[in-house]
Amino acid sequence: MEKARSMLHYKSVPTEWWAEAVSTAVYLINRSTNTQHTSVTPYELCFKVKPTLEHLRVFGSHGYAHIDKAKRTKLEPKSFRCMFLGYAENVKGYRVFDLDASKVKVTRSVKLDEREVDGIYETLPARNGTVIHVSEDAHDAVTPAPVERQPAVEEPMEGVENDAPDVSMESVEPEQDPAIGRGTTRPHWTRAGTVPCPTDRV
């Protein structure tokens, strides 16, 4: 009953389907090892053949069941919405509940959504990126947050520590001709520098 109850709650199946859950649980137990027989299953002990497990499905999963060509016309749909209930006896097929017709049917081909519900058994892969941890002090001051970065590929960098060449600048201040004495000078600007031009004293 523990397995049947877990199967009902895992996919939120109504308890009215408890008989189908118990039947499916027995089907799975007969094909599983236990503490008494750790290397062989009850099915193998009975039929001397190892059971196949590729056809197993998740109880209570919703999906679509295929309709055989003999049971439909060319204009009718090829499948119907269903809920998986278990495994048929004495025939190869699945027991499903037709959600539109409200009937239990047996089909050999189904497409089911068997994903986890509400994140059960879900594992999140580690995301690649930068993780930033922010901390605040008592005075609400901005403090640098430690940053964890992924190791980057080291690439050689060009030299940037070479000394810059010295640049000599020519003097641009006007000079007084010593031959004129106390006279004033008016600078004349050229591309090569300044050449003082003497003027007469007023």
C-alpha atoms as a PDB file:
ATOM      1  CA  MET A   1       0.000   0.000   0.000  1.00  0.00           C
ATOM      2  CA  GLU A   2       2.938   2.354   0.532  1.00  0.00           C
ATOM      3  CA  LYS A   3       3.865   2.161  -3.140  1.00  0.00           C
ATOM      4  CA  ALA A   4       0.246   2.585  -4.252  1.00  0.00           C
ATOM      5  CA  ARG A   5      -0.247   5.638  -2.023  1.00  0.00           C
ATOM      6  CA  SER A   6       2.962   7.208  -3.331  1.00  0.00           C
ATOM      7  CA  MET A   7       1.855   6.646  -6.920  1.00  0.00           C
ATOM      8  CA  LEU A   8      -1.481   8.339  -6.272  1.00  0.00           C
ATOM      9  CA  HIS A   9       0.021  11.410  -4.623  1.00  0.00           C
ATOM     10  CA  TYR A  10       2.910  11.802  -7.058  1.00  0.00           C
ATOM     11  CA  LYS A  11       0.641  12.748  -9.971  1.00  0.00           C
ATOM     12  CA  SER A  12      -2.287  13.939  -7.811  1.00  0.00           C
ATOM     13  CA  VAL A  13      -4.526  11.097  -8.975  1.00  0.00           C
ATOM     14  CA  PRO A  14      -7.946  10.938  -7.222  1.00  0.00           C
ATOM     15  CA  THR A  15      -8.228   8.212  -4.589  1.00  0.00           C
ATOM     16  CA  GLU A  16     -11.072   6.598  -6.533  1.00  0.00           C
ATOM     17  CA  TRP A  17      -8.375   4.989  -8.664  1.00  0.00           C
ATOM     18  CA  TRP A  18      -6.789   3.213  -5.699  1.00  0.00           C
ATOM     19  CA  ALA A  19      -7.559  -0.257  -7.150  1.00  0.00           C
ATOM     20  CA  GLU A  20      -5.706   0.594 -10.364  1.00  0.00           C
ATOM     21  CA  ALA A  21      -2.802   1.938  -8.288  1.00  0.00           C
ATOM     22  CA  VAL A  22      -2.590  -1.265  -6.224  1.00  0.00           C
ATOM     23  CA  SER A  23      -2.694  -3.432  -9.354  1.00  0.00           C
ATOM     24  CA  THR A  24       0.091  -1.395 -10.973  1.00  0.00           C
ATOM     25  CA  ALA A  25       2.143  -1.484  -7.752  1.00  0.00           C
ATOM     26  CA  VAL A  26       1.926  -5.301  -7.678  1.00  0.00           C
ATOM     27  CA  TYR A  27       2.976  -5.386 -11.336  1.00  0.00           C
ATOM     28  CA  LEU A  28       6.080  -3.338 -10.502  1.00  0.00           C
ATOM     29  CA  ILE A  29       6.926  -5.280  -7.320  1.00  0.00           C
ATOM     30  CA  ASN A  30       6.925  -8.556  -9.264  1.00  0.00           C
ATOM     31  CA  ARG A  31       9.537  -7.057 -11.593  1.00  0.00           C
ATOM     32  CA  SER A  32      11.772  -5.565  -8.880  1.00  0.00           C
ATOM     33  CA  THR A  33      14.338  -7.094  -6.550  1.00  0.00           C
ATOM     34  CA  ASN A  34      13.845  -7.111  -2.778  1.00  0.00           C
ATOM     35  CA  THR A  35      15.845  -7.676   0.384  1.00  0.00           C
ATOM     36  CA  GLN A  36      15.282 -11.422   0.247  1.00  0.00           C
ATOM     37  CA  HIS A  37      16.234 -11.812  -3.419  1.00  0.00           C
ATOM     38  CA  THR A  38      18.725  -9.099  -4.248  1.00  0.00           C
ATOM     39  CA  SER A  39      19.804 -10.477  -7.626  1.00  0.00           C
ATOM     40  CA  VAL A  40      16.618 -11.978  -9.006  1.00  0.00           C
ATOM     41  CA  THR A  41      13.020 -10.763  -9.320  1.00  0.00           C
ATOM     42  CA  PRO A  42       9.836 -12.674  -8.452  1.00  0.00           C
ATOM     43  CA  TYR A  43       8.909 -12.679 -12.144  1.00  0.00           C
ATOM     44  CA  GLU A  44      12.203 -14.393 -12.997  1.00  0.00           C
ATOM     45  CA  LEU A  45      11.729 -16.968 -10.250  1.00  0.00           C
ATOM     46  CA  CYS A  46       8.308 -17.826 -11.619  1.00  0.00           C
ATOM     47  CA  PHE A  47       8.862 -17.772 -15.389  1.00  0.00           C
ATOM     48  CA  LYS A  48      12.670 -18.357 -15.506  1.00  0.00           C
ATOM     49  CA  VAL A  49      12.986 -15.358 -17.798  1.00  0.00           C
ATOM     50  CA  LYS A  50      14.186 -11.855 -17.029  1.00  0.00           C
ATOM     51  CA  PRO A  51      11.412  -9.275 -17.344  1.00  0.00           C
ATOM     52  CA  THR A  52      11.591  -6.415 -19.824  1.00  0.00           C
ATOM     53  CA  LEU A  53      11.343  -2.901 -18.381  1.00  0.00           C
ATOM     54  CA  GLU A  54      11.361  -0.679 -21.474  1.00  0.00           C
ATOM     55  CA  HIS A  55       7.559  -0.492 -21.565  1.00  0.00           C
ATOM     56  CA  LEU A  56       7.134   0.855 -18.017  1.00  0.00           C
ATOM     57  CA  ARG A  57       5.384   4.210 -17.645  1.00  0.00           C
ATOM     58  CA  VAL A  58       4.648   6.657 -14.810  1.00  0.00           C
ATOM     59  CA  PHE A  59       1.281   6.041 -13.162  1.00  0.00           C
ATOM     60  CA  GLY A  60      -1.217   8.892 -13.527  1.00  0.00           C
ATOM     61  CA  SER A  61       0.571  10.610 -16.418  1.00  0.00           C
ATOM     62  CA  HIS A  62      -1.613  12.427 -18.937  1.00  0.00           C
ATOM     63  CA  GLY A  63      -1.124  12.114 -22.665  1.00  0.00           C
ATOM     64  CA  TYR A  64      -2.644  10.797 -25.871  1.00  0.00           C
ATOM     65  CA  ALA A  65      -3.506   7.238 -26.878  1.00  0.00           C
ATOM     66  CA  HIS A  66      -3.505   6.087 -30.485  1.00  0.00           C
ATOM     67  CA  ILE A  67      -6.713   4.894 -32.156  1.00  0.00           C
ATOM     68  CA  ASP A  68      -6.370   1.982 -34.571  1.00  0.00           C
ATOM     69  CA  LYS A  69      -7.397   2.517 -38.190  1.00  0.00           C
ATOM     70  CA  ALA A  70     -10.062  -0.173 -37.877  1.00  0.00           C
ATOM     71  CA  LYS A  71     -11.805   1.848 -35.145  1.00  0.00           C
ATOM     72  CA  ARG A  72     -11.957   5.228 -36.901  1.00  0.00           C
ATOM     73  CA  THR A  73     -12.674   6.823 -40.231  1.00  0.00           C
ATOM     74  CA  LYS A  74     -10.311   9.024 -42.225  1.00  0.00           C
ATOM     75  CA  LEU A  75     -11.942  12.184 -40.864  1.00  0.00           C
ATOM     76  CA  GLU A  76     -11.953  11.171 -37.204  1.00  0.00           C
ATOM     77  CA  PRO A  77      -9.056  11.995 -34.851  1.00  0.00           C
ATOM     78  CA  LYS A  78      -6.170   9.560 -34.580  1.00  0.00           C
ATOM     79  CA  SER A  79      -5.825   9.813 -30.793  1.00  0.00           C
ATOM     80  CA  PHE A  80      -7.692  10.719 -27.612  1.00  0.00           C
ATOM     81  CA  ARG A  81      -6.706  12.374 -24.333  1.00  0.00           C
ATOM     82  CA  CYS A  82      -6.053   9.846 -21.600  1.00  0.00           C
ATOM     83  CA  MET A  83      -4.580   9.165 -18.168  1.00  0.00           C
ATOM     84  CA  PHE A  84      -2.278   6.198 -17.688  1.00  0.00           C
ATOM     85  CA  LEU A  85      -3.622   3.622 -15.196  1.00  0.00           C
ATOM     86  CA  GLY A  86      -1.527   0.501 -15.622  1.00  0.00           C
ATOM     87  CA  TYR A  87      -0.883  -2.594 -17.681  1.00  0.00           C
ATOM     88  CA  ALA A  88      -3.427  -4.887 -19.282  1.00  0.00           C
ATOM     89  CA  GLU A  89      -3.606  -8.551 -18.298  1.00  0.00           C
ATOM     90  CA  ASN A  90      -3.213 -11.383 -20.793  1.00  0.00           C
ATOM     91  CA  VAL A  91      -2.681  -8.914 -23.655  1.00  0.00           C
ATOM     92  CA  LYS A  92       0.087  -6.537 -24.631  1.00  0.00           C
ATOM     93  CA  GLY A  93      -1.261  -3.088 -23.936  1.00  0.00           C
ATOM     94  CA  TYR A  94      -1.832  -0.277 -21.463  1.00  0.00           C
ATOM     95  CA  ARG A  95      -4.881   0.504 -19.417  1.00  0.00           C
ATOM     96  CA  VAL A  96      -5.811   4.170 -19.859  1.00  0.00           C
ATOM     97  CA  PHE A  97      -8.735   6.340 -18.873  1.00  0.00           C
ATOM     98  CA  ASP A  98     -10.358   8.228 -21.755  1.00  0.00           C
ATOM     99  CA  LEU A  99     -10.768  11.761 -20.371  1.00  0.00           C
ATOM    100  CA  ASP A 100     -13.361  12.720 -23.001  1.00  0.00           C
ATOM    101  CA  ALA A 101     -15.489   9.561 -22.998  1.00  0.00           C
ATOM    102  CA  SER A 102     -14.912   8.743 -19.272  1.00  0.00           C
ATOM    103  CA  LYS A 103     -14.132   5.110 -20.052  1.00  0.00           C
ATOM    104  CA  VAL A 104     -11.246   2.756 -19.287  1.00  0.00           C
ATOM    105  CA  LYS A 105      -9.696   1.450 -22.489  1.00  0.00           C
ATOM    106  CA  VAL A 106      -6.781  -0.735 -23.551  1.00  0.00           C
ATOM    107  CA  THR A 107      -4.322   0.622 -26.095  1.00  0.00           C
ATOM    108  CA  ARG A 108      -0.900  -0.398 -27.353  1.00  0.00           C
ATOM    109  CA  SER A 109       0.508   3.018 -28.221  1.00  0.00           C
ATOM    110  CA  VAL A 110       0.545   6.056 -25.931  1.00  0.00           C
ATOM    111  CA  LYS A 111       2.381   9.377 -25.703  1.00  0.00           C
ATOM    112  CA  LEU A 112       2.604  10.541 -22.080  1.00  0.00           C
ATOM    113  CA  ASP A 113       3.948  13.547 -20.210  1.00  0.00           C
ATOM    114  CA  GLU A 114       6.066  11.829 -17.550  1.00  0.00           C
ATOM    115  CA  ARG A 115       7.902  14.886 -16.242  1.00  0.00           C
ATOM    116  CA  GLU A 116       8.285  15.570 -12.520  1.00  0.00           C
ATOM    117  CA  VAL A 117       5.548  17.415 -10.661  1.00  0.00           C
ATOM    118  CA  ASP A 118       6.316  20.501  -8.523  1.00  0.00           C
ATOM    119  CA  GLY A 119      10.063  20.077  -8.943  1.00  0.00           C
ATOM    120  CA  ILE A 120      10.223  16.622  -7.290  1.00  0.00           C
ATOM    121  CA  TYR A 121      13.619  15.015  -7.921  1.00  0.00           C
ATOM    122  CA  GLU A 122      14.538  18.043 -10.001  1.00  0.00           C
ATOM    123  CA  THR A 123      18.193  19.065  -9.964  1.00  0.00           C
ATOM    124  CA  LEU A 124      19.325  22.456 -11.219  1.00  0.00           C
ATOM    125  CA  PRO A 125      22.638  22.511 -13.085  1.00  0.00           C
ATOM    126  CA  ALA A 126      25.250  24.974 -11.938  1.00  0.00           C
ATOM    127  CA  ARG A 127      25.047  28.135 -13.977  1.00  0.00           C
ATOM    128  CA  ASN A 128      28.158  29.594 -15.461  1.00  0.00           C
ATOM    129  CA  GLY A 129      28.583  33.230 -14.604  1.00  0.00           C
ATOM    130  CA  THR A 130      29.647  35.717 -11.986  1.00  0.00           C
ATOM    131  CA  VAL A 131      28.319  35.395  -8.456  1.00  0.00           C
ATOM    132  CA  ILE A 132      28.191  38.630  -6.469  1.00  0.00           C
ATOM    133  CA  HIS A 133      27.748  38.648  -2.691  1.00  0.00           C
ATOM    134  CA  VAL A 134      26.538  41.978  -1.323  1.00  0.00           C
ATOM    135  CA  SER A 135      27.024  42.912   2.326  1.00  0.00           C
ATOM    136  CA  GLU A 136      25.992  46.028   4.231  1.00  0.00           C
ATOM    137  CA  ASP A 137      27.579  47.556   7.311  1.00  0.00           C
ATOM    138  CA  ALA A 138      25.919  49.276  10.222  1.00  0.00           C
ATOM    139  CA  HIS A 139      26.216  52.770   8.679  1.00  0.00           C
ATOM    140  CA  ASP A 140      24.678  51.814   5.316  1.00  0.00           C
ATOM    141  CA  ALA A 141      27.913  52.779   3.632  1.00  0.00           C
ATOM    142  CA  VAL A 142      28.779  51.383   0.266  1.00  0.00           C
ATOM    143  CA  THR A 143      31.346  48.652   0.621  1.00  0.00           C
ATOM    144  CA  PRO A 144      32.989  46.711  -2.165  1.00  0.00           C
ATOM    145  CA  ALA A 145      31.368  43.339  -2.620  1.00  0.00           C
ATOM    146  CA  PRO A 146      33.569  40.302  -3.156  1.00  0.00           C
ATOM    147  CA  VAL A 147      33.201  38.902  -6.634  1.00  0.00           C
ATOM    148  CA  GLU A 148      33.768  35.316  -7.643  1.00  0.00           C
ATOM    149  CA  ARG A 149      34.765  35.033 -11.258  1.00  0.00           C
ATOM    150  CA  GLN A 150      35.532  32.074 -13.395  1.00  0.00           C
ATOM    151  CA  PRO A 151      39.173  31.614 -14.361  1.00  0.00           C
ATOM    152  CA  ALA A 152      39.799  33.305 -17.669  1.00  0.00           C
ATOM    153  CA  VAL A 153      42.257  32.231 -20.307  1.00  0.00           C
ATOM    154  CA  GLU A 154      45.481  34.108 -19.805  1.00  0.00           C
ATOM    155  CA  GLU A 155      46.639  35.933 -22.905  1.00  0.00           C
ATOM    156  CA  PRO A 156      49.960  37.785 -23.298  1.00  0.00           C
ATOM    157  CA  MET A 157      49.674  41.535 -23.202  1.00  0.00           C
ATOM    158  CA  GLU A 158      51.798  43.951 -25.146  1.00  0.00           C
ATOM    159  CA  GLY A 159      54.373  45.950 -23.173  1.00  0.00           C
ATOM    160  CA  VAL A 160      52.938  49.168 -21.845  1.00  0.00           C
ATOM    161  CA  GLU A 161      55.712  50.168 -19.465  1.00  0.00           C
ATOM    162  CA  ASN A 162      58.161  51.586 -22.047  1.00  0.00           C
ATOM    163  CA  ASP A 163      59.436  55.064 -21.249  1.00  0.00           C
ATOM    164  CA  ALA A 164      57.791  57.797 -23.238  1.00  0.00           C
ATOM    165  CA  PRO A 165      60.193  59.786 -25.482  1.00  0.00           C
ATOM    166  CA  ASP A 166      61.296  63.189 -24.186  1.00  0.00           C
ATOM    167  CA  VAL A 167      59.706  66.059 -26.031  1.00  0.00           C
ATOM    168  CA  SER A 168      61.711  69.328 -26.180  1.00  0.00           C
ATOM    169  CA  MET A 169      59.788  72.528 -26.559  1.00  0.00           C
ATOM    170  CA  GLU A 170      61.322  75.705 -27.821  1.00  0.00           C
ATOM    171  CA  SER A 171      61.062  78.812 -25.713  1.00  0.00           C
ATOM    172  CA  VAL A 172      58.199  81.051 -26.710  1.00  0.00           C
ATOM    173  CA  GLU A 173      58.917  83.918 -24.353  1.00  0.00           C
ATOM    174  CA  PRO A 174      60.103  87.118 -26.105  1.00  0.00           C
ATOM    175  CA  GLU A 175      63.732  88.109 -25.557  1.00  0.00           C
ATOM    176  CA  GLN A 176      65.130  91.671 -25.527  1.00  0.00           C
ATOM    177  CA  ASP A 177      67.990  92.533 -27.877  1.00  0.00           C
ATOM    178  CA  PRO A 178      70.947  93.524 -25.644  1.00  0.00           C
ATOM    179  CA  ALA A 179      72.217  96.003 -28.276  1.00  0.00           C
ATOM    180  CA  ILE A 180      69.170  98.258 -27.937  1.00  0.00           C
ATOM    181  CA  GLY A 181      69.510  98.866 -24.233  1.00  0.00           C
ATOM    182  CA  ARG A 182      66.305  99.895 -22.551  1.00  0.00           C
ATOM    183  CA  GLY A 183      64.131  99.808 -25.633  1.00  0.00           C
ATOM    184  CA  THR A 184      61.051  97.624 -25.826  1.00  0.00           C
ATOM    185  CA  THR A 185      60.741  94.683 -28.109  1.00  0.00           C
ATOM    186  CA  ARG A 186      57.795  93.280 -29.973  1.00  0.00           C
ATOM    187  CA  PRO A 187      57.921  89.535 -30.642  1.00  0.00           C
ATOM    188  CA  HIS A 188      57.477  88.183 -34.135  1.00  0.00           C
ATOM    189  CA  TRP A 189      56.112  84.645 -34.159  1.00  0.00           C
ATOM    190  CA  THR A 190      57.363  82.103 -36.620  1.00  0.00           C
ATOM    191  CA  ARG A 191      57.106  78.319 -36.890  1.00  0.00           C
ATOM    192  CA  ALA A 192      60.690  77.901 -35.696  1.00  0.00           C
ATOM    193  CA  GLY A 193      60.195  80.046 -32.601  1.00  0.00           C
ATOM    194  CA  THR A 194      60.169  83.772 -31.814  1.00  0.00           C
ATOM    195  CA  VAL A 195      62.412  86.400 -33.256  1.00  0.00           C
ATOM    196  CA  PRO A 196      62.482  89.706 -31.371  1.00  0.00           C
ATOM    197  CA  CYS A 197      61.962  92.784 -33.486  1.00  0.00           C
ATOM    198  CA  PRO A 198      63.421  96.042 -32.104  1.00  0.00           C
ATOM    199  CA  THR A 199      61.295  99.174 -32.101  1.00  0.00           C
ATOM    200  CA  ASP A 200      62.178 102.814 -31.500  1.00  0.00           C
ATOM    201  CA  ARG A 201      61.674 104.250 -28.104  1.00  0.00           C
ATOM    202  CA  VAL A 202      58.741 106.639 -27.875  1.00  0.00           C
END
